[in-house]
Structures are given as C-alpha cells and as structure tokens.
Amino acid sequence: MYLFSINATSSKDQGEFKAGEECPFIAYINFVDLFGAEQLAKLYLLKEGFRDATIIKRRFLKLEGQSHDDPQIREALQKGYCLQVFSAH
C-alpha cells in the first residue's frame, strides 16, 4: 500500500473549500506499483472534484502480518483506496 501527501485544487465550491482553493490530502492506495498508485490517487481526486494534484511525499507501507487499527488503512484494504482531506483551519 502507498501513502501520498497531495495538494489538489477544488474545481467547485464543496464543503468548506471554495473553487480554486488548494486542499491538502493524504491518499491511501492499495496497489503494488508506485506509478500506478500515483495515477490512481490523481484519478480518485478528479472523481471527487479536485484537479491539479501535486504529490508532495510518497511512502510505501508494508502491511503483511500486522493488525490494522487505523480506519483509513482498513478502508483502503476494503475498497482499494481512502482519501483524507484536511481542513483549512
């Protein structure tokens, strides 16, 4: 599983984010290939209404034989990905 820190721009007003505002995300992508995982992260953000995704940090998580208490990791294992947006506070 890959973990990415990403900044992306909101395409429209949604929630507490205004159109054109840059938003920070963490993307959990359950995929074995780095290039593929990066592309999936960008596509999932596009699907949610965010464009111009810039990956700031990348990290590979080895998950074999570990319990997964983190709800984002559990969600990514179940559906293949999890996006977590941070508020602009």
PDB file of N, CA and C in Angstrom:
ATOM      1  N   MET A   1       0.854  -1.176   0.000  1.00  0.00           N
ATOM      2  CA  MET A   1       0.000   0.000   0.000  1.00  0.00           C
ATOM      3  C   MET A   1       0.899   1.237   0.000  1.00  0.00           C
ATOM      4  N   TYR A   2       0.479   2.231  -0.761  1.00  0.00           N
ATOM      5  CA  TYR A   2       1.205   3.502  -0.804  1.00  0.00           C
ATOM      6  C   TYR A   2       0.407   4.579  -0.085  1.00  0.00           C
ATOM      7  N   LEU A   3       1.158   5.469   0.529  1.00  0.00           N
ATOM      8  CA  LEU A   3       0.597   6.612   1.247  1.00  0.00           C
ATOM      9  C   LEU A   3       1.178   7.858   0.588  1.00  0.00           C
ATOM     10  N   PHE A   4       0.307   8.781   0.165  1.00  0.00           N
ATOM     11  CA  PHE A   4       0.745  10.001  -0.512  1.00  0.00           C
ATOM     12  C   PHE A   4       0.224  11.236   0.208  1.00  0.00           C
ATOM     13  N   SER A   5       1.086  12.242   0.327  1.00  0.00           N
ATOM     14  CA  SER A   5       0.647  13.585   0.721  1.00  0.00           C
ATOM     15  C   SER A   5       0.466  14.352  -0.584  1.00  0.00           C
ATOM     16  N   ILE A   6      -0.727  14.903  -0.778  1.00  0.00           N
ATOM     17  CA  ILE A   6      -1.071  15.527  -2.058  1.00  0.00           C
ATOM     18  C   ILE A   6      -1.758  16.868  -1.812  1.00  0.00           C
ATOM     19  N   ASN A   7      -1.413  17.843  -2.631  1.00  0.00           N
ATOM     20  CA  ASN A   7      -2.171  19.091  -2.685  1.00  0.00           C
ATOM     21  C   ASN A   7      -2.942  19.086  -3.999  1.00  0.00           C
ATOM     22  N   ALA A   8      -4.223  19.429  -3.937  1.00  0.00           N
ATOM     23  CA  ALA A   8      -5.057  19.481  -5.140  1.00  0.00           C
ATOM     24  C   ALA A   8      -5.977  20.692  -5.042  1.00  0.00           C
ATOM     25  N   THR A   9      -6.412  21.176  -6.184  1.00  0.00           N
ATOM     26  CA  THR A   9      -7.254  22.365  -6.263  1.00  0.00           C
ATOM     27  C   THR A   9      -8.713  21.965  -6.433  1.00  0.00           C
ATOM     28  N   SER A  10      -9.576  22.581  -5.643  1.00  0.00           N
ATOM     29  CA  SER A  10     -11.007  22.309  -5.736  1.00  0.00           C
ATOM     30  C   SER A  10     -11.557  22.890  -7.039  1.00  0.00           C
ATOM     31  N   SER A  11     -12.279  22.070  -7.790  1.00  0.00           N
ATOM     32  CA  SER A  11     -12.854  22.515  -9.067  1.00  0.00           C
ATOM     33  C   SER A  11     -14.108  23.353  -8.879  1.00  0.00           C
ATOM     34  N   LYS A  12     -14.749  23.201  -7.727  1.00  0.00           N
ATOM     35  CA  LYS A  12     -16.010  23.905  -7.455  1.00  0.00           C
ATOM     36  C   LYS A  12     -16.125  24.109  -5.947  1.00  0.00           C
ATOM     37  N   ASP A  13     -17.094  24.913  -5.541  1.00  0.00           N
ATOM     38  CA  ASP A  13     -17.359  25.063  -4.112  1.00  0.00           C
ATOM     39  C   ASP A  13     -17.899  23.736  -3.589  1.00  0.00           C
ATOM     40  N   GLN A  14     -17.253  23.207  -2.559  1.00  0.00           N
ATOM     41  CA  GLN A  14     -17.712  21.957  -1.956  1.00  0.00           C
ATOM     42  C   GLN A  14     -17.276  21.929  -0.503  1.00  0.00           C
ATOM     43  N   GLY A  15     -18.251  21.738   0.357  1.00  0.00           N
ATOM     44  CA  GLY A  15     -17.956  21.740   1.789  1.00  0.00           C
ATOM     45  C   GLY A  15     -17.368  23.066   2.210  1.00  0.00           C
ATOM     46  N   GLU A  16     -16.268  23.002   2.921  1.00  0.00           N
ATOM     47  CA  GLU A  16     -15.618  24.233   3.378  1.00  0.00           C
ATOM     48  C   GLU A  16     -14.596  24.768   2.386  1.00  0.00           C
ATOM     49  N   PHE A  17     -14.466  24.130   1.226  1.00  0.00           N
ATOM     50  CA  PHE A  17     -13.492  24.551   0.227  1.00  0.00           C
ATOM     51  C   PHE A  17     -14.179  25.283  -0.913  1.00  0.00           C
ATOM     52  N   LYS A  18     -13.597  26.403  -1.305  1.00  0.00           N
ATOM     53  CA  LYS A  18     -14.116  27.215  -2.407  1.00  0.00           C
ATOM     54  C   LYS A  18     -13.441  26.804  -3.709  1.00  0.00           C
ATOM     55  N   ALA A  19     -14.077  27.070  -4.826  1.00  0.00           N
ATOM     56  CA  ALA A  19     -13.494  26.782  -6.136  1.00  0.00           C
ATOM     57  C   ALA A  19     -12.149  27.489  -6.263  1.00  0.00           C
ATOM     58  N   GLY A  20     -11.138  26.762  -6.733  1.00  0.00           N
ATOM     59  CA  GLY A  20      -9.806  27.331  -6.910  1.00  0.00           C
ATOM     60  C   GLY A  20      -8.924  27.259  -5.682  1.00  0.00           C
ATOM     61  N   GLU A  21      -9.472  26.824  -4.565  1.00  0.00           N
ATOM     62  CA  GLU A  21      -8.692  26.736  -3.331  1.00  0.00           C
ATOM     63  C   GLU A  21      -7.884  25.440  -3.313  1.00  0.00           C
ATOM     64  N   GLU A  22      -6.615  25.543  -2.885  1.00  0.00           N
ATOM     65  CA  GLU A  22      -5.770  24.353  -2.776  1.00  0.00           C
ATOM     66  C   GLU A  22      -6.060  23.634  -1.468  1.00  0.00           C
ATOM     67  N   CYS A  23      -6.186  22.317  -1.536  1.00  0.00           N
ATOM     68  CA  CYS A  23      -6.561  21.500  -0.385  1.00  0.00           C
ATOM     69  C   CYS A  23      -5.529  20.400  -0.174  1.00  0.00           C
ATOM     70  N   PRO A  24      -5.130  20.168   1.075  1.00  0.00           N
ATOM     71  CA  PRO A  24      -4.178  19.087   1.357  1.00  0.00           C
ATOM     72  C   PRO A  24      -4.901  17.765   1.623  1.00  0.00           C
ATOM     73  N   PHE A  25      -4.357  16.685   1.079  1.00  0.00           N
ATOM     74  CA  PHE A  25      -4.920  15.342   1.231  1.00  0.00           C
ATOM     75  C   PHE A  25      -3.845  14.357   1.654  1.00  0.00           C
ATOM     76  N   ILE A  26      -4.288  13.283   2.264  1.00  0.00           N
ATOM     77  CA  ILE A  26      -3.498  12.062   2.357  1.00  0.00           C
ATOM     78  C   ILE A  26      -4.298  11.013   1.607  1.00  0.00           C
ATOM     79  N   ALA A  27      -3.635  10.331   0.682  1.00  0.00           N
ATOM     80  CA  ALA A  27      -4.280   9.267  -0.088  1.00  0.00           C
ATOM     81  C   ALA A  27      -3.630   7.939   0.268  1.00  0.00           C
ATOM     82  N   TYR A  28      -4.459   6.983   0.638  1.00  0.00           N
ATOM     83  CA  TYR A  28      -4.019   5.613   0.899  1.00  0.00           C
ATOM     84  C   TYR A  28      -4.446   4.800  -0.318  1.00  0.00           C
ATOM     85  N   ILE A  29      -3.491   4.236  -1.050  1.00  0.00           N
ATOM     86  CA  ILE A  29      -3.793   3.497  -2.272  1.00  0.00           C
ATOM     87  C   ILE A  29      -3.249   2.076  -2.131  1.00  0.00           C
ATOM     88  N   ASN A  30      -4.139   1.102  -2.156  1.00  0.00           N
ATOM     89  CA  ASN A  30      -3.757  -0.301  -2.015  1.00  0.00           C
ATOM     90  C   ASN A  30      -3.430  -0.857  -3.399  1.00  0.00           C
ATOM     91  N   PHE A  31      -2.185  -0.624  -3.824  1.00  0.00           N
ATOM     92  CA  PHE A  31      -1.724  -1.025  -5.151  1.00  0.00           C
ATOM     93  C   PHE A  31      -0.233  -1.310  -5.041  1.00  0.00           C
ATOM     94  N   VAL A  32       0.295  -2.265  -5.813  1.00  0.00           N
ATOM     95  CA  VAL A  32       1.687  -2.679  -5.628  1.00  0.00           C
ATOM     96  C   VAL A  32       2.694  -1.849  -6.420  1.00  0.00           C
ATOM     97  N   ASP A  33       2.275  -1.161  -7.446  1.00  0.00           N
ATOM     98  CA  ASP A  33       3.171  -0.411  -8.316  1.00  0.00           C
ATOM     99  C   ASP A  33       3.093   1.084  -7.999  1.00  0.00           C
ATOM    100  N   LEU A  34       4.248   1.726  -7.799  1.00  0.00           N
ATOM    101  CA  LEU A  34       4.274   3.146  -7.431  1.00  0.00           C
ATOM    102  C   LEU A  34       3.632   4.028  -8.504  1.00  0.00           C
ATOM    103  N   PHE A  35       4.033   3.854  -9.766  1.00  0.00           N
ATOM    104  CA  PHE A  35       3.482   4.695 -10.831  1.00  0.00           C
ATOM    105  C   PHE A  35       1.968   4.537 -10.923  1.00  0.00           C
ATOM    106  N   GLY A  36       1.507   3.298 -10.890  1.00  0.00           N
ATOM    107  CA  GLY A  36       0.068   3.042 -10.949  1.00  0.00           C
ATOM    108  C   GLY A  36      -0.665   3.631  -9.764  1.00  0.00           C
ATOM    109  N   ALA A  37      -0.083   3.518  -8.578  1.00  0.00           N
ATOM    110  CA  ALA A  37      -0.708   4.064  -7.369  1.00  0.00           C
ATOM    111  C   ALA A  37      -0.817   5.583  -7.454  1.00  0.00           C
ATOM    112  N   GLU A  38       0.230   6.241  -7.977  1.00  0.00           N
ATOM    113  CA  GLU A  38       0.184   7.703  -8.138  1.00  0.00           C
ATOM    114  C   GLU A  38      -0.939   8.104  -9.089  1.00  0.00           C
ATOM    115  N   GLN A  39      -1.055   7.403 -10.208  1.00  0.00           N
ATOM    116  CA  GLN A  39      -2.098   7.729 -11.183  1.00  0.00           C
ATOM    117  C   GLN A  39      -3.488   7.495 -10.603  1.00  0.00           C
ATOM    118  N   LEU A  40      -3.646   6.403  -9.857  1.00  0.00           N
ATOM    119  CA  LEU A  40      -4.932   6.137  -9.215  1.00  0.00           C
ATOM    120  C   LEU A  40      -5.290   7.235  -8.221  1.00  0.00           C
ATOM    121  N   ALA A  41      -4.313   7.684  -7.430  1.00  0.00           N
ATOM    122  CA  ALA A  41      -4.571   8.749  -6.456  1.00  0.00           C
ATOM    123  C   ALA A  41      -5.082  10.002  -7.168  1.00  0.00           C
ATOM    124  N   LYS A  42      -4.439  10.369  -8.266  1.00  0.00           N
ATOM    125  CA  LYS A  42      -4.860  11.555  -9.019  1.00  0.00           C
ATOM    126  C   LYS A  42      -6.261  11.372  -9.616  1.00  0.00           C
ATOM    127  N   LEU A  43      -6.545  10.175 -10.127  1.00  0.00           N
ATOM    128  CA  LEU A  43      -7.873   9.909 -10.696  1.00  0.00           C
ATOM    129  C   LEU A  43      -8.964   9.944  -9.635  1.00  0.00           C
ATOM    130  N   TYR A  44      -8.691   9.381  -8.454  1.00  0.00           N
ATOM    131  CA  TYR A  44      -9.689   9.415  -7.380  1.00  0.00           C
ATOM    132  C   TYR A  44      -9.965  10.855  -6.943  1.00  0.00           C
ATOM    133  N   LEU A  45      -8.935  11.701  -6.930  1.00  0.00           N
ATOM    134  CA  LEU A  45      -9.148  13.110  -6.587  1.00  0.00           C
ATOM    135  C   LEU A  45      -9.973  13.810  -7.667  1.00  0.00           C
ATOM    136  N   LEU A  46      -9.692  13.514  -8.935  1.00  0.00           N
ATOM    137  CA  LEU A  46     -10.503  14.081 -10.024  1.00  0.00           C
ATOM    138  C   LEU A  46     -11.962  13.679  -9.877  1.00  0.00           C
ATOM    139  N   LYS A  47     -12.187  12.423  -9.548  1.00  0.00           N
ATOM    140  CA  LYS A  47     -13.554  11.912  -9.365  1.00  0.00           C
ATOM    141  C   LYS A  47     -14.289  12.670  -8.259  1.00  0.00           C
ATOM    142  N   GLU A  48     -13.553  13.106  -7.236  1.00  0.00           N
ATOM    143  CA  GLU A  48     -14.148  13.826  -6.107  1.00  0.00           C
ATOM    144  C   GLU A  48     -14.234  15.330  -6.342  1.00  0.00           C
ATOM    145  N   GLY A  49     -13.783  15.814  -7.514  1.00  0.00           N
ATOM    146  CA  GLY A  49     -13.916  17.229  -7.845  1.00  0.00           C
ATOM    147  C   GLY A  49     -12.686  18.072  -7.542  1.00  0.00           C
ATOM    148  N   PHE A  50     -11.503  17.452  -7.531  1.00  0.00           N
ATOM    149  CA  PHE A  50     -10.257  18.179  -7.285  1.00  0.00           C
ATOM    150  C   PHE A  50      -9.320  17.954  -8.462  1.00  0.00           C
ATOM    151  N   ARG A  51      -8.652  19.020  -8.890  1.00  0.00           N
ATOM    152  CA  ARG A  51      -7.781  18.947 -10.065  1.00  0.00           C
ATOM    153  C   ARG A  51      -6.366  19.390  -9.697  1.00  0.00           C
ATOM    154  N   ASP A  52      -5.473  19.317 -10.647  1.00  0.00           N
ATOM    155  CA  ASP A  52      -4.082  19.770 -10.482  1.00  0.00           C
ATOM    156  C   ASP A  52      -3.430  19.156  -9.245  1.00  0.00           C
ATOM    157  N   ALA A  53      -3.556  17.859  -9.092  1.00  0.00           N
ATOM    158  CA  ALA A  53      -2.980  17.172  -7.932  1.00  0.00           C
ATOM    159  C   ALA A  53      -1.458  17.140  -8.040  1.00  0.00           C
ATOM    160  N   THR A  54      -0.797  17.563  -6.965  1.00  0.00           N
ATOM    161  CA  THR A  54       0.656  17.530  -6.872  1.00  0.00           C
ATOM    162  C   THR A  54       1.034  16.647  -5.697  1.00  0.00           C
ATOM    163  N   ILE A  55       1.769  15.588  -5.977  1.00  0.00           N
ATOM    164  CA  ILE A  55       2.198  14.678  -4.914  1.00  0.00           C
ATOM    165  C   ILE A  55       3.431  15.266  -4.247  1.00  0.00           C
ATOM    166  N   ILE A  56       3.334  15.468  -2.937  1.00  0.00           N
ATOM    167  CA  ILE A  56       4.408  16.082  -2.161  1.00  0.00           C
ATOM    168  C   ILE A  56       5.330  15.017  -1.571  1.00  0.00           C
ATOM    169  N   LYS A  57       4.740  13.982  -0.985  1.00  0.00           N
ATOM    170  CA  LYS A  57       5.516  12.905  -0.360  1.00  0.00           C
ATOM    171  C   LYS A  57       4.918  11.563  -0.748  1.00  0.00           C
ATOM    172  N   ARG A  58       5.790  10.550  -0.797  1.00  0.00           N
ATOM    173  CA  ARG A  58       5.390   9.175  -1.109  1.00  0.00           C
ATOM    174  C   ARG A  58       5.964   8.255  -0.043  1.00  0.00           C
ATOM    175  N   ARG A  59       5.190   7.242   0.315  1.00  0.00           N
ATOM    176  CA  ARG A  59       5.684   6.275   1.298  1.00  0.00           C
ATOM    177  C   ARG A  59       5.028   4.923   1.031  1.00  0.00           C
ATOM    178  N   PHE A  60       5.835   3.875   1.045  1.00  0.00           N
ATOM    179  CA  PHE A  60       5.309   2.520   0.897  1.00  0.00           C
ATOM    180  C   PHE A  60       5.096   1.927   2.280  1.00  0.00           C
ATOM    181  N   LEU A  61       3.921   1.364   2.521  1.00  0.00           N
ATOM    182  CA  LEU A  61       3.607   0.738   3.807  1.00  0.00           C
ATOM    183  C   LEU A  61       3.579  -0.772   3.631  1.00  0.00           C
ATOM    184  N   LYS A  62       4.406  -1.479   4.404  1.00  0.00           N
ATOM    185  CA  LYS A  62       4.350  -2.947   4.417  1.00  0.00           C
ATOM    186  C   LYS A  62       3.312  -3.343   5.448  1.00  0.00           C
ATOM    187  N   LEU A  63       2.312  -4.086   5.030  1.00  0.00           N
ATOM    188  CA  LEU A  63       1.184  -4.391   5.909  1.00  0.00           C
ATOM    189  C   LEU A  63       1.075  -5.868   6.270  1.00  0.00           C
ATOM    190  N   GLU A  64       1.938  -6.710   5.738  1.00  0.00           N
ATOM    191  CA  GLU A  64       1.820  -8.142   5.987  1.00  0.00           C
ATOM    192  C   GLU A  64       1.988  -8.458   7.468  1.00  0.00           C
ATOM    193  N   GLY A  65       1.077  -9.256   7.989  1.00  0.00           N
ATOM    194  CA  GLY A  65       1.199  -9.759   9.350  1.00  0.00           C
ATOM    195  C   GLY A  65       0.970  -8.743  10.452  1.00  0.00           C
ATOM    196  N   GLN A  66       0.410  -7.597  10.142  1.00  0.00           N
ATOM    197  CA  GLN A  66       0.156  -6.575  11.156  1.00  0.00           C
ATOM    198  C   GLN A  66      -1.345  -6.383  11.317  1.00  0.00           C
ATOM    199  N   SER A  67      -1.745  -6.032  12.548  1.00  0.00           N
ATOM    200  CA  SER A  67      -3.152  -5.656  12.729  1.00  0.00           C
ATOM    201  C   SER A  67      -3.307  -4.216  12.251  1.00  0.00           C
ATOM    202  N   HIS A  68      -4.478  -3.896  11.774  1.00  0.00           N
ATOM    203  CA  HIS A  68      -4.695  -2.579  11.175  1.00  0.00           C
ATOM    204  C   HIS A  68      -5.783  -1.846  11.941  1.00  0.00           C
ATOM    205  N   ASP A  69      -5.372  -1.085  12.949  1.00  0.00           N
ATOM    206  CA  ASP A  69      -6.313  -0.329  13.764  1.00  0.00           C
ATOM    207  C   ASP A  69      -6.704   0.997  13.115  1.00  0.00           C
ATOM    208  N   ASP A  70      -5.874   1.476  12.201  1.00  0.00           N
ATOM    209  CA  ASP A  70      -6.129   2.752  11.533  1.00  0.00           C
ATOM    210  C   ASP A  70      -7.333   2.591  10.595  1.00  0.00           C
ATOM    211  N   PRO A  71      -8.399   3.382  10.799  1.00  0.00           N
ATOM    212  CA  PRO A  71      -9.598   3.227   9.957  1.00  0.00           C
ATOM    213  C   PRO A  71      -9.345   3.535   8.479  1.00  0.00           C
ATOM    214  N   GLN A  72      -8.407   4.435   8.178  1.00  0.00           N
ATOM    215  CA  GLN A  72      -8.109   4.748   6.782  1.00  0.00           C
ATOM    216  C   GLN A  72      -7.431   3.558   6.095  1.00  0.00           C
ATOM    217  N   ILE A  73      -6.537   2.881   6.808  1.00  0.00           N
ATOM    218  CA  ILE A  73      -5.882   1.701   6.238  1.00  0.00           C
ATOM    219  C   ILE A  73      -6.904   0.597   6.014  1.00  0.00           C
ATOM    220  N   ARG A  74      -7.792   0.402   6.977  1.00  0.00           N
ATOM    221  CA  ARG A  74      -8.831  -0.626   6.821  1.00  0.00           C
ATOM    222  C   ARG A  74      -9.716  -0.333   5.607  1.00  0.00           C
ATOM    223  N   GLU A  75     -10.101   0.943   5.453  1.00  0.00           N
ATOM    224  CA  GLU A  75     -10.940   1.316   4.303  1.00  0.00           C
ATOM    225  C   GLU A  75     -10.203   1.073   2.986  1.00  0.00           C
ATOM    226  N   ALA A  76      -8.919   1.452   2.939  1.00  0.00           N
ATOM    227  CA  ALA A  76      -8.132   1.246   1.720  1.00  0.00           C
ATOM    228  C   ALA A  76      -7.974  -0.238   1.405  1.00  0.00           C
ATOM    229  N   LEU A  77      -7.843  -1.066   2.414  1.00  0.00           N
ATOM    230  CA  LEU A  77      -7.752  -2.511   2.188  1.00  0.00           C
ATOM    231  C   LEU A  77      -9.073  -3.063   1.665  1.00  0.00           C
ATOM    232  N   GLN A  78     -10.188  -2.505   2.126  1.00  0.00           N
ATOM    233  CA  GLN A  78     -11.506  -2.998   1.716  1.00  0.00           C
ATOM    234  C   GLN A  78     -11.898  -2.542   0.316  1.00  0.00           C
ATOM    235  N   LYS A  79     -11.712  -1.238   0.027  1.00  0.00           N
ATOM    236  CA  LYS A  79     -12.187  -0.738  -1.275  1.00  0.00           C
ATOM    237  C   LYS A  79     -11.078  -0.306  -2.228  1.00  0.00           C
ATOM    238  N   GLY A  80      -9.817  -0.435  -1.809  1.00  0.00           N
ATOM    239  CA  GLY A  80      -8.694  -0.135  -2.689  1.00  0.00           C
ATOM    240  C   GLY A  80      -8.067   1.225  -2.476  1.00  0.00           C
ATOM    241  N   TYR A  81      -8.791   2.140  -1.850  1.00  0.00           N
ATOM    242  CA  TYR A  81      -8.239   3.474  -1.603  1.00  0.00           C
ATOM    243  C   TYR A  81      -9.003   4.162  -0.479  1.00  0.00           C
ATOM    244  N   CYS A  82      -8.385   5.204   0.049  1.00  0.00           N
ATOM    245  CA  CYS A  82      -9.038   6.079   1.020  1.00  0.00           C
ATOM    246  C   CYS A  82      -8.422   7.460   0.860  1.00  0.00           C
ATOM    247  N   LEU A  83      -9.261   8.472   0.758  1.00  0.00           N
ATOM    248  CA  LEU A  83      -8.800   9.858   0.679  1.00  0.00           C
ATOM    249  C   LEU A  83      -9.176  10.563   1.966  1.00  0.00           C
ATOM    250  N   GLN A  84      -8.214  11.275   2.526  1.00  0.00           N
ATOM    251  CA  GLN A  84      -8.465  12.041   3.746  1.00  0.00           C
ATOM    252  C   GLN A  84      -8.070  13.487   3.468  1.00  0.00           C
ATOM    253  N   VAL A  85      -9.045  14.374   3.546  1.00  0.00           N
ATOM    254  CA  VAL A  85      -8.782  15.795   3.317  1.00  0.00           C
ATOM    255  C   VAL A  85      -8.601  16.476   4.670  1.00  0.00           C
ATOM    256  N   PHE A  86      -7.739  17.478   4.690  1.00  0.00           N
ATOM    257  CA  PHE A  86      -7.526  18.250   5.910  1.00  0.00           C
ATOM    258  C   PHE A  86      -8.185  19.605   5.763  1.00  0.00           C
ATOM    259  N   SER A  87      -8.806  20.079   6.831  1.00  0.00           N
ATOM    260  CA  SER A  87      -9.464  21.381   6.749  1.00  0.00           C
ATOM    261  C   SER A  87      -8.440  22.496   6.714  1.00  0.00           C
ATOM    262  N   ALA A  88      -8.913  23.621   6.270  1.00  0.00           N
ATOM    263  CA  ALA A  88      -8.045  24.779   6.084  1.00  0.00           C
ATOM    264  C   ALA A  88      -7.877  25.587   7.360  1.00  0.00           C
ATOM    265  N   HIS A  89      -8.202  25.034   8.514  1.00  0.00           N
ATOM    266  CA  HIS A  89      -8.114  25.787   9.768  1.00  0.00           C
ATOM    267  C   HIS A  89      -6.698  26.157  10.084  1.00  0.00           C
TER     268      HIS A  89
END
